[in-house]
Amino acid sequence: MTGETTLKEVIARLGKAMEGLENAVANKLENERDYSEAEAEVQRMNADRSRLAQELDNSEARAERLEDANKEVSRRLVAAMETIRAVLDR
């Protein structure tokens, strides 16, 4: 009987070990899935950051062009006002 009891104990321990192994594999697979999702999210965030950086660069370039145009308009207005004053002073 001790041989039979021992065999039952061994089979029970083997069953528990297999169950533990299955749980470990399931946890590992879930962790890998979570990691893959996180990696995909990081890639999306990097793509968004790159797009936003490009948009910012474009906006800054446009702002500089508008500032230059504003300065040119201001310069021309001053010149026109001086011309008008000169004509009126004659």
Protein backbone atom coordinates (compact mmCIF):
# COMPACT_ATOMS: atom_id res chain seq x y z
CA MET A 1 0.00 0.00 0.00
CA THR A 2 2.78 2.46 0.66
CA GLY A 3 3.90 2.09 -2.94
CA GLU A 4 0.38 2.90 -4.11
CA THR A 5 0.08 5.83 -1.71
CA THR A 6 3.44 7.11 -2.80
CA LEU A 7 2.44 6.78 -6.45
CA LYS A 8 -0.77 8.75 -5.76
CA GLU A 9 1.24 11.41 -3.95
CA VAL A 10 3.71 11.62 -6.82
CA ILE A 11 0.90 11.89 -9.37
CA ALA A 12 -0.79 14.60 -7.25
CA ARG A 13 2.49 16.53 -6.97
CA LEU A 14 3.05 16.14 -10.70
CA GLY A 15 -0.47 17.47 -11.34
CA LYS A 16 0.17 20.47 -9.10
CA ALA A 17 3.52 21.07 -10.80
CA MET A 18 1.85 20.93 -14.23
CA GLU A 19 -0.84 23.32 -13.07
CA GLY A 20 1.82 25.70 -11.77
CA LEU A 21 3.67 25.44 -15.08
CA GLU A 22 0.48 26.16 -17.04
CA ASN A 23 -0.19 29.20 -14.86
CA ALA A 24 3.37 30.44 -15.32
CA VAL A 25 3.09 30.06 -19.11
CA ALA A 26 -0.27 31.87 -19.11
CA ASN A 27 1.19 34.72 -17.05
CA LYS A 28 4.22 34.94 -19.33
CA LEU A 29 2.01 35.11 -22.42
CA GLU A 30 -0.16 37.82 -20.85
CA ASN A 31 2.92 39.83 -19.87
CA GLU A 32 4.26 39.56 -23.42
CA ARG A 33 0.90 40.71 -24.80
CA ASP A 34 0.90 43.66 -22.41
CA TYR A 35 4.47 44.48 -23.43
CA SER A 36 3.51 44.34 -27.12
CA GLU A 37 0.59 46.69 -26.50
CA ALA A 38 2.84 49.08 -24.59
CA GLU A 39 5.44 48.97 -27.36
CA ALA A 40 2.77 49.73 -29.97
CA GLU A 41 1.56 52.66 -27.86
CA VAL A 42 5.11 54.02 -27.58
CA GLN A 43 5.47 53.79 -31.36
CA ARG A 44 2.18 55.68 -31.84
CA MET A 45 3.32 58.33 -29.37
CA ASN A 46 6.65 58.72 -31.17
CA ALA A 47 4.84 59.11 -34.49
CA ASP A 48 2.56 61.74 -32.94
CA ARG A 49 5.53 63.54 -31.43
CA SER A 50 7.28 63.62 -34.80
CA ARG A 51 4.16 64.91 -36.52
CA LEU A 52 3.64 67.58 -33.87
CA ALA A 53 7.29 68.64 -34.07
CA GLN A 54 6.95 69.03 -37.84
CA GLU A 55 3.75 71.05 -37.43
CA LEU A 56 5.48 73.26 -34.87
CA ASP A 57 8.42 73.85 -37.20
CA ASN A 58 6.00 74.76 -40.01
CA SER A 59 4.08 77.13 -37.72
CA GLU A 60 7.27 78.81 -36.54
CA ALA A 61 8.42 79.27 -40.15
CA ARG A 62 5.04 80.76 -41.07
CA ALA A 63 5.17 83.09 -38.05
CA GLU A 64 8.60 84.31 -39.15
CA ARG A 65 7.32 84.95 -42.69
CA LEU A 66 4.34 86.86 -41.31
CA GLU A 67 6.60 88.90 -39.06
CA ASP A 68 8.83 89.76 -42.03
CA ALA A 69 5.77 90.72 -44.09
CA ASN A 70 4.50 92.85 -41.21
CA LYS A 71 7.84 94.67 -41.00
CA GLU A 72 7.80 95.27 -44.77
CA VAL A 73 4.24 96.64 -44.66
CA SER A 74 5.17 98.87 -41.75
CA ARG A 75 8.23 100.15 -43.61
CA ARG A 76 6.13 100.89 -46.70
CA LEU A 77 3.48 102.68 -44.64
CA VAL A 78 6.12 104.89 -43.04
CA ALA A 79 7.57 105.67 -46.47
CA ALA A 80 4.10 106.47 -47.84
CA MET A 81 3.34 108.72 -44.86
CA GLU A 82 6.64 110.56 -45.35
CA THR A 83 5.87 111.02 -49.03
CA ILE A 84 2.40 112.38 -48.22
CA ARG A 85 3.87 114.78 -45.63
CA ALA A 86 6.46 115.96 -48.12
CA VAL A 87 3.76 116.59 -50.72
CA LEU A 88 1.57 118.43 -48.21
CA ASP A 89 4.47 120.57 -46.99
CA ARG A 90 5.14 121.95 -50.48
